[in-house]
């Protein structure tokens, strides 16, 4: 699943992208799970954060998230 400025995977970790990158936009690549025995509890997300710098978009951050207890 792909989210454009939409957080798909949520865990107990605080998502502070909007505070760390107030002018940023992010794309999330979410993987719902890999092993059926974990029933989706092994999901992972990769978020790429971009900012507009003088009319050109630059990658400014990379965030990895996954299911946590």
C-alpha atoms as a PDB file:
ATOM      1  CA  UNK A   1       0.000   0.000   0.000  1.00  0.00           C
ATOM      2  CA  UNK A   2       1.199   3.520  -0.734  1.00  0.00           C
ATOM      3  CA  UNK A   3       0.112   6.618   1.166  1.00  0.00           C
ATOM      4  CA  UNK A   4       0.743  10.189   0.027  1.00  0.00           C
ATOM      5  CA  UNK A   5       0.984  12.287   3.222  1.00  0.00           C
ATOM      6  CA  UNK A   6      -1.119   9.588   4.896  1.00  0.00           C
ATOM      7  CA  UNK A   7       0.204   7.419   7.710  1.00  0.00           C
ATOM      8  CA  UNK A   8      -0.934   3.852   7.000  1.00  0.00           C
ATOM      9  CA  UNK A   9       0.996   1.835   9.565  1.00  0.00           C
ATOM     10  CA  UNK A  10       0.643   2.983  13.161  1.00  0.00           C
ATOM     11  CA  UNK A  11       2.429   1.615  16.203  1.00  0.00           C
ATOM     12  CA  UNK A  12       3.090   2.701  19.763  1.00  0.00           C
ATOM     13  CA  UNK A  13       5.937   4.905  18.492  1.00  0.00           C
ATOM     14  CA  UNK A  14       5.216   8.622  18.125  1.00  0.00           C
ATOM     15  CA  UNK A  15       5.141   9.865  14.532  1.00  0.00           C
ATOM     16  CA  UNK A  16       6.805  13.294  14.695  1.00  0.00           C
ATOM     17  CA  UNK A  17       7.399  13.835  10.981  1.00  0.00           C
ATOM     18  CA  UNK A  18       5.226  16.967  10.932  1.00  0.00           C
ATOM     19  CA  UNK A  19       7.219  18.485  13.822  1.00  0.00           C
ATOM     20  CA  UNK A  20      10.652  17.499  12.480  1.00  0.00           C
ATOM     21  CA  UNK A  21       9.812  18.492   8.887  1.00  0.00           C
ATOM     22  CA  UNK A  22       7.063  21.159   9.085  1.00  0.00           C
ATOM     23  CA  UNK A  23       7.436  22.000   5.379  1.00  0.00           C
ATOM     24  CA  UNK A  24       7.784  18.391   4.304  1.00  0.00           C
ATOM     25  CA  UNK A  25       5.620  15.974   2.377  1.00  0.00           C
ATOM     26  CA  UNK A  26       5.996  12.221   2.759  1.00  0.00           C
ATOM     27  CA  UNK A  27       5.257   9.049   0.857  1.00  0.00           C
ATOM     28  CA  UNK A  28       4.703   5.870   2.856  1.00  0.00           C
ATOM     29  CA  UNK A  29       5.339   2.424   1.429  1.00  0.00           C
ATOM     30  CA  UNK A  30       3.478   0.034   3.733  1.00  0.00           C
ATOM     31  CA  UNK A  31       3.864  -3.740   3.797  1.00  0.00           C
ATOM     32  CA  UNK A  32       0.955  -5.374   5.633  1.00  0.00           C
ATOM     33  CA  UNK A  33       2.877  -8.471   6.730  1.00  0.00           C
ATOM     34  CA  UNK A  34       5.000 -11.263   5.403  1.00  0.00           C
ATOM     35  CA  UNK A  35       4.394 -14.418   7.452  1.00  0.00           C
ATOM     36  CA  UNK A  36       0.765 -15.601   7.848  1.00  0.00           C
ATOM     37  CA  UNK A  37       1.489 -17.052  11.303  1.00  0.00           C
ATOM     38  CA  UNK A  38       1.881 -13.493  12.672  1.00  0.00           C
ATOM     39  CA  UNK A  39      -1.526 -12.360  11.323  1.00  0.00           C
ATOM     40  CA  UNK A  40      -0.244  -8.963  10.150  1.00  0.00           C
ATOM     41  CA  UNK A  41       1.754  -8.207  13.294  1.00  0.00           C
ATOM     42  CA  UNK A  42       4.937  -8.262  11.202  1.00  0.00           C
ATOM     43  CA  UNK A  43       3.988  -5.193   9.133  1.00  0.00           C
ATOM     44  CA  UNK A  44       6.590  -2.599   8.156  1.00  0.00           C
ATOM     45  CA  UNK A  45       6.531   0.876   6.629  1.00  0.00           C
ATOM     46  CA  UNK A  46       9.112   3.030   4.914  1.00  0.00           C
ATOM     47  CA  UNK A  47       8.442   6.770   4.783  1.00  0.00           C
ATOM     48  CA  UNK A  48      10.386   9.095   2.504  1.00  0.00           C
ATOM     49  CA  UNK A  49      10.176  12.786   3.422  1.00  0.00           C
ATOM     50  CA  UNK A  50      10.644  15.497   0.800  1.00  0.00           C
ATOM     51  CA  UNK A  51      10.894  19.286   1.001  1.00  0.00           C
ATOM     52  CA  UNK A  52      10.649  21.897  -1.728  1.00  0.00           C
ATOM     53  CA  UNK A  53      13.940  23.776  -1.943  1.00  0.00           C
ATOM     54  CA  UNK A  54      13.827  26.649  -4.435  1.00  0.00           C
ATOM     55  CA  UNK A  55      11.250  24.906  -6.620  1.00  0.00           C
ATOM     56  CA  UNK A  56      12.936  21.494  -6.581  1.00  0.00           C
ATOM     57  CA  UNK A  57      11.908  18.578  -4.336  1.00  0.00           C
ATOM     58  CA  UNK A  58      14.681  17.015  -2.251  1.00  0.00           C
ATOM     59  CA  UNK A  59      14.716  13.883  -0.113  1.00  0.00           C
ATOM     60  CA  UNK A  60      15.383  15.121   3.432  1.00  0.00           C
ATOM     61  CA  UNK A  61      14.415  12.172   5.622  1.00  0.00           C
ATOM     62  CA  UNK A  62      13.938   8.405   5.708  1.00  0.00           C
ATOM     63  CA  UNK A  63      11.804   6.786   8.416  1.00  0.00           C
ATOM     64  CA  UNK A  64      11.364   3.071   9.105  1.00  0.00           C
ATOM     65  CA  UNK A  65       8.415   1.957  11.218  1.00  0.00           C
ATOM     66  CA  UNK A  66       7.147  -1.456  12.229  1.00  0.00           C
ATOM     67  CA  UNK A  67       4.733  -3.106  14.626  1.00  0.00           C
ATOM     68  CA  UNK A  68       5.755  -2.739  18.265  1.00  0.00           C
ATOM     69  CA  UNK A  69       4.139  -3.730  21.513  1.00  0.00           C
END
